[in-house]
């Protein structure tokens, strides 16, 4: 029996334990220390997770891919059911199957049972709703116990990242930890030092915690609505009156956690009626093709890839040939920033709230520690830097800092 740290993320998951040389992350998919938070259900077969899940979906195998599951915690969607082969499962049960597979892989790598877990959690699962936030944590606690963890506790994800960063700190400093993940953006202001590192109680070193339910999937959604969905008819007119094509279908198709809601006969019949009555059936017909062929997650993956490509290389093409041959869209850094700039500013604004909570000016912050996949967005990083212009910017392990910090905390709590 042993303790572990589990970072169940909207986009990726890690799990660590105490290895021979100290806290380490365990390989969860081949040699990868991360496993994408994706699960693929295929009729009459055990579900697959991670890269294998997305490969099965991309390869055309019949079944249902689900991603972005963490984003439904604390919302009414948690208790909704979705058809998966011959059964209907609640989304909380889908999360349980995913985490059970992660736990089994980690135990196989560790060579021992893992019964104690420190689970990462965002500062706010749900913005401005304390009751929903408590329900989200309670649900995640219950799921962890359902999959075999007997002792379950939680730590804020940015605090966990701070514990990882502190291992490299050589003198006392105040750091603002920015963990910008797939579903949430979380911040902590923490006092760190080599001497403080060994203290069992660090509550007095935590000066502020704040967060907002905005993450990488929200940037994907806005990019999709601005670049892809107009090619599928979003904003186009109906033939009669001054009405536009109903936009709810497009918003669901652009949202990872809502895509599966489109896959039913009733919705497809409604879209058929829209195609018949719209002024641009050539465009809305592409929407029908996407829904009828259950290509929503593939579209979302193309958008996510273009977001990353534009961030890294300056521009990227979105090959939409799965909807219509030779259909291509293009995004560059400027258009990405224009379409998602409000999100970047909303995320960066939380730094000001943290400073007020901590009771310190921006000049007192020595380091801005960045972790989480969405810190790769240039305009978001620039907005964060602008909020703390005098702070030293430290790039952490994009996908590993939180998991390592949770493992450090799990070892400490189990001692």
Protein backbone atom coordinates (compact mmCIF):
# COMPACT_ATOMS: atom_id res chain seq x y z
CA UNK A 1 0.00 0.00 0.00
CA UNK A 2 1.36 3.45 -0.90
CA UNK A 3 0.46 7.09 -1.41
CA UNK A 4 0.28 8.90 -4.73
CA UNK A 5 -0.49 12.28 -6.25
CA UNK A 6 -3.13 12.39 -8.97
CA UNK A 7 -3.52 15.30 -11.37
CA UNK A 8 -6.73 14.57 -13.29
CA UNK A 9 -6.76 17.34 -15.84
CA UNK A 10 -9.22 18.47 -18.46
CA UNK A 11 -6.70 17.66 -21.20
CA UNK A 12 -4.08 15.39 -19.60
CA UNK A 13 -3.61 13.29 -16.46
CA UNK A 14 -0.52 12.35 -14.45
CA UNK A 15 0.00 10.15 -11.39
CA UNK A 16 3.13 10.02 -9.23
CA UNK A 17 4.49 8.06 -6.27
CA UNK A 18 7.60 7.87 -4.10
CA UNK A 19 10.26 6.15 -6.17
CA UNK A 20 13.77 5.06 -5.11
CA UNK A 21 15.15 8.56 -5.75
CA UNK A 22 12.16 10.59 -4.54
CA UNK A 23 8.79 11.67 -5.91
CA UNK A 24 8.41 10.72 -9.58
CA UNK A 25 5.65 10.55 -12.16
CA UNK A 26 4.78 7.10 -13.45
CA UNK A 27 4.55 6.22 -17.16
CA UNK A 28 0.86 5.88 -17.94
CA UNK A 29 0.88 5.20 -21.68
CA UNK A 30 3.95 3.47 -23.07
CA UNK A 31 6.85 5.74 -21.99
CA UNK A 32 4.67 8.84 -21.67
CA UNK A 33 4.29 10.37 -18.21
CA UNK A 34 1.00 11.94 -19.28
CA UNK A 35 -2.11 10.27 -20.60
CA UNK A 36 -4.68 12.40 -22.44
CA UNK A 37 -7.96 12.64 -20.53
CA UNK A 38 -9.89 10.87 -23.26
CA UNK A 39 -11.86 7.63 -23.33
CA UNK A 40 -13.24 5.70 -26.31
CA UNK A 41 -16.17 3.32 -25.99
CA UNK A 42 -16.49 0.68 -28.69
CA UNK A 43 -19.31 -1.91 -28.83
CA UNK A 44 -18.45 -5.20 -27.11
CA UNK A 45 -14.92 -4.09 -26.17
CA UNK A 46 -13.32 -2.63 -23.10
CA UNK A 47 -12.95 1.15 -23.35
CA UNK A 48 -9.59 2.58 -24.36
CA UNK A 49 -8.05 5.70 -22.86
CA UNK A 50 -5.49 8.31 -23.79
CA UNK A 51 -3.70 8.39 -27.14
CA UNK A 52 -5.09 4.96 -28.00
CA UNK A 53 -8.61 6.34 -27.56
CA UNK A 54 -8.08 9.24 -29.95
CA UNK A 55 -6.29 6.96 -32.42
CA UNK A 56 -9.23 4.53 -32.41
CA UNK A 57 -11.61 7.39 -33.08
CA UNK A 58 -9.43 8.94 -35.79
CA UNK A 59 -9.02 5.52 -37.39
CA UNK A 60 -12.75 5.25 -37.98
CA UNK A 61 -13.54 2.48 -35.53
CA UNK A 62 -17.22 2.53 -34.53
CA UNK A 63 -17.75 3.99 -31.10
CA UNK A 64 -17.87 7.14 -29.01
CA UNK A 65 -14.95 9.34 -27.96
CA UNK A 66 -15.28 11.53 -24.88
CA UNK A 67 -12.87 14.29 -23.82
CA UNK A 68 -12.90 17.28 -21.49
CA UNK A 69 -14.76 15.31 -18.82
CA UNK A 70 -13.36 17.24 -15.88
CA UNK A 71 -15.13 20.36 -17.14
CA UNK A 72 -18.55 18.91 -16.24
CA UNK A 73 -17.71 18.54 -12.52
CA UNK A 74 -20.01 20.73 -10.46
CA UNK A 75 -22.54 21.13 -13.29
CA UNK A 76 -25.91 19.40 -13.82
CA UNK A 77 -24.32 17.48 -16.69
CA UNK A 78 -22.62 15.19 -14.16
CA UNK A 79 -25.78 13.17 -13.63
CA UNK A 80 -26.87 13.18 -17.27
CA UNK A 81 -26.56 9.93 -19.17
CA UNK A 82 -25.17 9.35 -22.63
CA UNK A 83 -25.65 6.29 -24.87
CA UNK A 84 -22.47 4.23 -25.13
CA UNK A 85 -23.05 1.11 -27.18
CA UNK A 86 -25.83 -0.90 -25.60
CA UNK A 87 -25.79 0.97 -22.30
CA UNK A 88 -26.34 4.45 -21.00
CA UNK A 89 -23.82 5.79 -18.51
CA UNK A 90 -23.82 8.83 -16.29
CA UNK A 91 -20.90 11.13 -16.97
CA UNK A 92 -19.63 10.53 -13.43
CA UNK A 93 -19.44 6.81 -14.29
CA UNK A 94 -17.50 7.63 -17.45
CA UNK A 95 -14.97 9.56 -15.34
CA UNK A 96 -14.78 6.60 -12.95
CA UNK A 97 -13.95 4.20 -15.77
CA UNK A 98 -11.22 6.52 -17.02
CA UNK A 99 -9.66 6.99 -13.57
CA UNK A 100 -9.90 3.27 -12.80
CA UNK A 101 -7.84 2.58 -15.93
CA UNK A 102 -5.29 5.24 -14.92
CA UNK A 103 -4.99 3.75 -11.42
CA UNK A 104 -4.52 0.22 -12.77
CA UNK A 105 -1.75 1.37 -15.11
CA UNK A 106 0.01 3.29 -12.35
CA UNK A 107 -0.11 0.30 -9.98
CA UNK A 108 1.32 -1.96 -12.68
CA UNK A 109 4.21 0.48 -13.14
CA UNK A 110 4.74 1.01 -9.40
CA UNK A 111 4.55 -2.70 -8.60
CA UNK A 112 2.30 -2.04 -5.62
CA UNK A 113 -1.21 -1.02 -4.65
CA UNK A 114 -1.93 2.70 -4.35
CA UNK A 115 -4.58 3.24 -1.71
CA UNK A 116 -3.90 6.82 -0.56
CA UNK A 117 -4.23 9.75 -2.96
CA UNK A 118 -3.79 13.50 -2.86
CA UNK A 119 -6.07 14.65 -5.65
CA UNK A 120 -5.45 17.94 -7.41
CA UNK A 121 -8.30 20.39 -7.71
CA UNK A 122 -8.73 23.88 -9.19
CA UNK A 123 -9.24 26.79 -6.84
CA UNK A 124 -12.79 26.97 -8.20
CA UNK A 125 -14.45 24.10 -10.04
CA UNK A 126 -17.36 26.47 -10.61
CA UNK A 127 -17.12 30.26 -10.50
CA UNK A 128 -19.22 32.17 -7.93
CA UNK A 129 -21.11 29.11 -6.67
CA UNK A 130 -19.73 27.70 -3.42
CA UNK A 131 -22.36 24.96 -3.24
CA UNK A 132 -21.59 23.70 -6.74
CA UNK A 133 -17.88 23.86 -5.94
CA UNK A 134 -18.40 21.64 -2.88
CA UNK A 135 -20.49 19.21 -4.91
CA UNK A 136 -17.72 18.95 -7.50
CA UNK A 137 -15.13 18.03 -4.87
CA UNK A 138 -17.53 15.60 -3.17
CA UNK A 139 -18.23 13.94 -6.51
CA UNK A 140 -14.54 13.59 -7.30
CA UNK A 141 -13.91 12.21 -3.79
CA UNK A 142 -16.69 9.63 -4.26
CA UNK A 143 -15.33 8.62 -7.68
CA UNK A 144 -11.82 8.21 -6.24
CA UNK A 145 -13.20 5.89 -3.56
CA UNK A 146 -15.26 3.99 -6.13
CA UNK A 147 -12.10 3.16 -8.10
CA UNK A 148 -10.26 1.88 -5.03
CA UNK A 149 -8.61 4.76 -3.19
CA UNK A 150 -9.36 4.39 0.52
CA UNK A 151 -7.83 7.66 1.77
CA UNK A 152 -8.64 10.67 -0.42
CA UNK A 153 -7.58 14.27 0.20
CA UNK A 154 -7.16 17.34 -1.98
CA UNK A 155 -4.67 20.09 -2.70
CA UNK A 156 -5.08 23.17 -4.86
CA UNK A 157 -3.29 22.65 -8.17
CA UNK A 158 -1.28 25.91 -8.08
CA UNK A 159 -0.11 25.11 -4.53
CA UNK A 160 1.05 21.73 -5.81
CA UNK A 161 2.96 23.44 -8.61
CA UNK A 162 4.56 25.74 -6.00
CA UNK A 163 5.82 22.71 -4.07
CA UNK A 164 7.51 21.43 -7.22
CA UNK A 165 9.02 24.83 -8.01
CA UNK A 166 10.25 25.29 -4.43
CA UNK A 167 12.72 22.43 -4.84
CA UNK A 168 14.81 24.73 -7.06
CA UNK A 169 14.54 27.85 -4.86
CA UNK A 170 17.80 28.88 -3.19
CA UNK A 171 16.59 31.87 -1.16
CA UNK A 172 13.33 33.16 0.25
CA UNK A 173 11.01 34.68 -2.31
CA UNK A 174 7.36 35.41 -3.02
CA UNK A 175 6.10 33.63 -6.12
CA UNK A 176 2.87 33.85 -8.01
CA UNK A 177 2.03 30.44 -9.42
CA UNK A 178 -0.07 30.48 -12.60
CA UNK A 179 -1.49 27.09 -13.58
CA UNK A 180 -3.33 27.61 -16.88
CA UNK A 181 -4.84 24.29 -17.82
CA UNK A 182 -7.43 22.91 -20.18
CA UNK A 183 -10.47 23.80 -18.09
CA UNK A 184 -9.45 26.35 -15.45
CA UNK A 185 -6.86 29.00 -14.72
CA UNK A 186 -5.62 28.97 -11.13
CA UNK A 187 -3.33 31.27 -9.19
CA UNK A 188 -1.61 31.21 -5.83
CA UNK A 189 0.78 33.64 -4.16
CA UNK A 190 3.15 31.69 -1.95
CA UNK A 191 6.16 32.46 0.24
CA UNK A 192 8.89 29.92 -0.57
CA UNK A 193 12.39 29.12 0.73
CA UNK A 194 14.69 26.17 1.38
CA UNK A 195 14.04 26.52 5.12
CA UNK A 196 10.26 26.63 4.77
CA UNK A 197 10.29 23.57 2.48
CA UNK A 198 10.63 21.15 5.39
CA UNK A 199 7.86 22.59 7.54
CA UNK A 200 4.87 20.28 8.05
CA UNK A 201 2.38 23.15 8.10
CA UNK A 202 2.63 25.62 5.20
CA UNK A 203 -0.73 27.33 5.65
CA UNK A 204 0.93 30.57 6.78
CA UNK A 205 3.02 30.69 3.60
CA UNK A 206 -0.03 30.72 1.32
CA UNK A 207 -0.88 34.39 0.85
CA UNK A 208 -3.65 34.11 -1.76
CA UNK A 209 -5.60 31.67 -3.93
CA UNK A 210 -7.89 32.52 -6.81
CA UNK A 211 -9.01 31.07 -10.09
CA UNK A 212 -11.47 31.26 -12.94
CA UNK A 213 -13.23 28.63 -15.02
CA UNK A 214 -11.43 29.54 -18.23
CA UNK A 215 -8.87 27.26 -19.83
CA UNK A 216 -7.60 25.87 -23.09
CA UNK A 217 -10.93 24.37 -24.12
CA UNK A 218 -12.51 27.83 -23.94
CA UNK A 219 -9.85 29.19 -26.31
CA UNK A 220 -10.59 26.22 -28.60
CA UNK A 221 -14.29 27.00 -28.46
CA UNK A 222 -13.89 30.67 -29.38
CA UNK A 223 -11.48 29.84 -32.18
CA UNK A 224 -13.91 27.25 -33.53
CA UNK A 225 -16.86 29.65 -33.38
CA UNK A 226 -14.88 32.37 -35.12
CA UNK A 227 -13.08 30.33 -37.77
CA UNK A 228 -14.77 26.97 -38.40
CA UNK A 229 -18.44 27.28 -37.54
CA UNK A 230 -19.16 30.13 -40.02
CA UNK A 231 -18.07 27.68 -42.74
CA UNK A 232 -20.79 25.35 -41.43
CA UNK A 233 -23.46 28.04 -41.53
CA UNK A 234 -23.17 29.87 -38.20
CA UNK A 235 -24.60 33.37 -38.63
CA UNK A 236 -26.10 32.64 -42.06
CA UNK A 237 -29.74 33.64 -42.69
CA UNK A 238 -32.90 31.63 -42.93
CA UNK A 239 -34.92 32.03 -46.13
CA UNK A 240 -37.84 33.78 -44.42
CA UNK A 241 -37.84 36.75 -42.08
CA UNK A 242 -34.82 38.31 -40.45
CA UNK A 243 -33.80 35.19 -38.52
CA UNK A 244 -30.40 33.57 -38.57
CA UNK A 245 -29.77 29.85 -38.46
CA UNK A 246 -30.19 28.63 -34.82
CA UNK A 247 -26.78 28.89 -33.16
CA UNK A 248 -27.18 26.33 -30.35
CA UNK A 249 -26.00 23.46 -32.57
CA UNK A 250 -22.77 25.31 -33.36
CA UNK A 251 -22.05 26.17 -29.74
CA UNK A 252 -22.46 22.51 -28.75
CA UNK A 253 -20.30 21.38 -31.67
CA UNK A 254 -17.56 23.79 -30.57
CA UNK A 255 -17.61 22.65 -26.92
CA UNK A 256 -15.73 19.45 -26.04
CA UNK A 257 -18.08 18.37 -23.24
CA UNK A 258 -21.29 19.12 -25.18
CA UNK A 259 -20.53 17.50 -28.54
CA UNK A 260 -22.13 14.16 -27.66
CA UNK A 261 -25.44 15.88 -26.95
CA UNK A 262 -25.86 16.40 -30.70
CA UNK A 263 -25.69 12.73 -31.54
CA UNK A 264 -29.34 11.70 -31.48
CA UNK A 265 -32.11 11.29 -34.00
CA UNK A 266 -34.15 14.27 -32.77
CA UNK A 267 -31.30 16.75 -33.22
CA UNK A 268 -30.46 15.39 -36.66
CA UNK A 269 -34.09 15.75 -37.77
CA UNK A 270 -34.09 19.35 -36.52
CA UNK A 271 -30.93 20.11 -38.50
CA UNK A 272 -32.52 18.55 -41.61
CA UNK A 273 -35.38 21.04 -41.24
CA UNK A 274 -32.91 23.91 -40.90
CA UNK A 275 -31.11 22.79 -44.07
CA UNK A 276 -34.43 22.79 -45.91
CA UNK A 277 -35.46 26.26 -44.70
CA UNK A 278 -32.13 28.14 -44.69
CA UNK A 279 -30.79 30.48 -47.34
CA UNK A 280 -27.36 28.79 -47.50
CA UNK A 281 -27.99 25.03 -47.53
CA UNK A 282 -24.52 24.48 -48.94
CA UNK A 283 -23.11 25.76 -45.61
CA UNK A 284 -25.62 24.26 -43.19
CA UNK A 285 -25.33 20.99 -45.07
CA UNK A 286 -21.78 20.82 -43.69
CA UNK A 287 -23.21 21.05 -40.18
CA UNK A 288 -25.48 18.11 -40.99
CA UNK A 289 -22.47 16.18 -42.31
CA UNK A 290 -20.52 16.83 -39.10
CA UNK A 291 -23.35 15.73 -36.83
CA UNK A 292 -24.56 12.79 -38.92
CA UNK A 293 -21.01 11.47 -39.24
CA UNK A 294 -20.26 12.14 -35.54
CA UNK A 295 -17.19 14.16 -36.51
CA UNK A 296 -17.47 16.74 -33.72
CA UNK A 297 -14.50 15.54 -31.69
CA UNK A 298 -12.36 15.28 -34.79
CA UNK A 299 -13.25 18.89 -35.62
CA UNK A 300 -12.43 19.98 -32.08
CA UNK A 301 -9.09 18.21 -32.33
CA UNK A 302 -8.29 20.00 -35.59
CA UNK A 303 -9.10 23.35 -33.96
CA UNK A 304 -6.94 22.53 -30.94
CA UNK A 305 -4.07 21.54 -33.22
CA UNK A 306 -4.38 24.77 -35.19
CA UNK A 307 -4.37 26.79 -31.96
CA UNK A 308 -1.13 25.12 -30.93
CA UNK A 309 0.34 25.40 -34.44
CA UNK A 310 -0.45 29.12 -34.73
CA UNK A 311 0.99 29.72 -31.25
CA UNK A 312 4.25 27.94 -32.05
CA UNK A 313 4.77 28.67 -35.75
CA UNK A 314 2.78 31.87 -36.30
CA UNK A 315 0.08 30.37 -38.51
CA UNK A 316 -1.66 27.08 -39.22
CA UNK A 317 -4.14 25.61 -41.68
CA UNK A 318 -7.24 23.76 -40.56
CA UNK A 319 -7.83 20.89 -42.98
CA UNK A 320 -11.59 20.32 -42.89
CA UNK A 321 -11.62 17.65 -45.57
CA UNK A 322 -13.50 15.29 -43.25
CA UNK A 323 -16.49 17.60 -43.77
CA UNK A 324 -16.00 18.48 -47.44
CA UNK A 325 -13.11 17.83 -49.83
CA UNK A 326 -10.67 20.74 -50.14
CA UNK A 327 -12.34 22.74 -47.35
CA UNK A 328 -9.57 24.63 -45.54
CA UNK A 329 -9.47 27.48 -43.01
CA UNK A 330 -6.44 29.38 -41.75
CA UNK A 331 -5.55 30.93 -38.42
CA UNK A 332 -2.55 33.03 -37.43
CA UNK A 333 -1.41 34.54 -34.15
CA UNK A 334 -3.17 37.82 -34.81
CA UNK A 335 -6.54 36.23 -35.58
CA UNK A 336 -6.14 33.85 -32.62
CA UNK A 337 -5.46 36.80 -30.33
CA UNK A 338 -8.37 38.77 -31.79
CA UNK A 339 -10.84 35.92 -31.30
CA UNK A 340 -9.68 34.92 -27.81
CA UNK A 341 -8.25 38.17 -26.44
CA UNK A 342 -11.15 38.70 -24.04
CA UNK A 343 -10.44 35.30 -22.51
CA UNK A 344 -6.75 36.11 -22.06
CA UNK A 345 -7.58 39.41 -20.37
CA UNK A 346 -10.13 37.75 -18.08
CA UNK A 347 -7.53 35.18 -16.99
CA UNK A 348 -4.84 37.79 -16.36
CA UNK A 349 -7.27 39.93 -14.34
CA UNK A 350 -7.28 37.28 -11.62
CA UNK A 351 -3.69 38.20 -10.81
CA UNK A 352 -4.94 41.58 -9.58
CA UNK A 353 -7.51 39.84 -7.38
CA UNK A 354 -4.77 37.66 -5.92
CA UNK A 355 -2.61 40.68 -5.12
CA UNK A 356 -5.51 42.37 -3.31
CA UNK A 357 -6.20 39.17 -1.37
CA UNK A 358 -2.52 38.88 -0.40
CA UNK A 359 -2.32 42.56 0.51
CA UNK A 360 0.86 43.17 -1.48
CA UNK A 361 1.70 45.28 -4.54
CA UNK A 362 2.84 43.68 -7.80
CA UNK A 363 6.40 44.85 -7.09
CA UNK A 364 6.64 42.47 -4.13
CA UNK A 365 6.29 39.39 -6.33
CA UNK A 366 9.73 38.01 -7.17
CA UNK A 367 8.78 35.25 -9.61
CA UNK A 368 5.94 34.36 -11.95
CA UNK A 369 5.94 30.56 -12.27
CA UNK A 370 4.03 29.28 -15.32
CA UNK A 371 2.68 25.78 -15.74
CA UNK A 372 -0.15 24.18 -17.70
CA UNK A 373 -0.51 23.67 -21.44
CA UNK A 374 -2.29 26.94 -22.14
CA UNK A 375 0.71 29.01 -21.03
CA UNK A 376 2.00 28.31 -24.55
CA UNK A 377 -0.45 30.87 -26.00
CA UNK A 378 1.70 33.95 -26.71
CA UNK A 379 -1.01 36.56 -26.14
CA UNK A 380 -2.06 34.91 -22.88
CA UNK A 381 1.51 34.75 -21.65
CA UNK A 382 1.96 38.42 -22.59
CA UNK A 383 -1.15 39.36 -20.59
CA UNK A 384 0.17 37.48 -17.55
CA UNK A 385 3.60 39.11 -17.85
CA UNK A 386 2.03 42.55 -18.14
CA UNK A 387 0.23 42.05 -14.82
CA UNK A 388 3.60 41.46 -13.08
CA UNK A 389 6.12 43.39 -15.17
CA UNK A 390 8.90 43.23 -12.57
CA UNK A 391 8.67 39.52 -11.78
CA UNK A 392 11.15 36.95 -13.04
CA UNK A 393 9.32 34.56 -15.38
CA UNK A 394 9.97 30.86 -14.71
CA UNK A 395 8.63 28.21 -17.08
CA UNK A 396 7.79 25.04 -15.19
CA UNK A 397 7.18 21.53 -16.48
CA UNK A 398 4.11 22.25 -18.62
CA UNK A 399 2.28 19.02 -17.83
CA UNK A 400 4.25 17.64 -14.87
CA UNK A 401 4.67 20.33 -12.21
CA UNK A 402 1.25 19.90 -10.63
CA UNK A 403 1.49 16.12 -10.56
CA UNK A 404 4.96 16.20 -9.00
CA UNK A 405 3.81 18.70 -6.39
CA UNK A 406 0.80 16.55 -5.53
CA UNK A 407 3.15 13.59 -5.13
CA UNK A 408 5.40 15.60 -2.81
CA UNK A 409 2.34 16.48 -0.74
CA UNK A 410 1.09 12.87 -0.75
CA UNK A 411 4.44 11.63 0.58
CA UNK A 412 4.43 14.31 3.27
CA UNK A 413 0.89 13.53 4.40
CA UNK A 414 1.56 9.79 4.51
CA UNK A 415 4.72 10.15 6.61
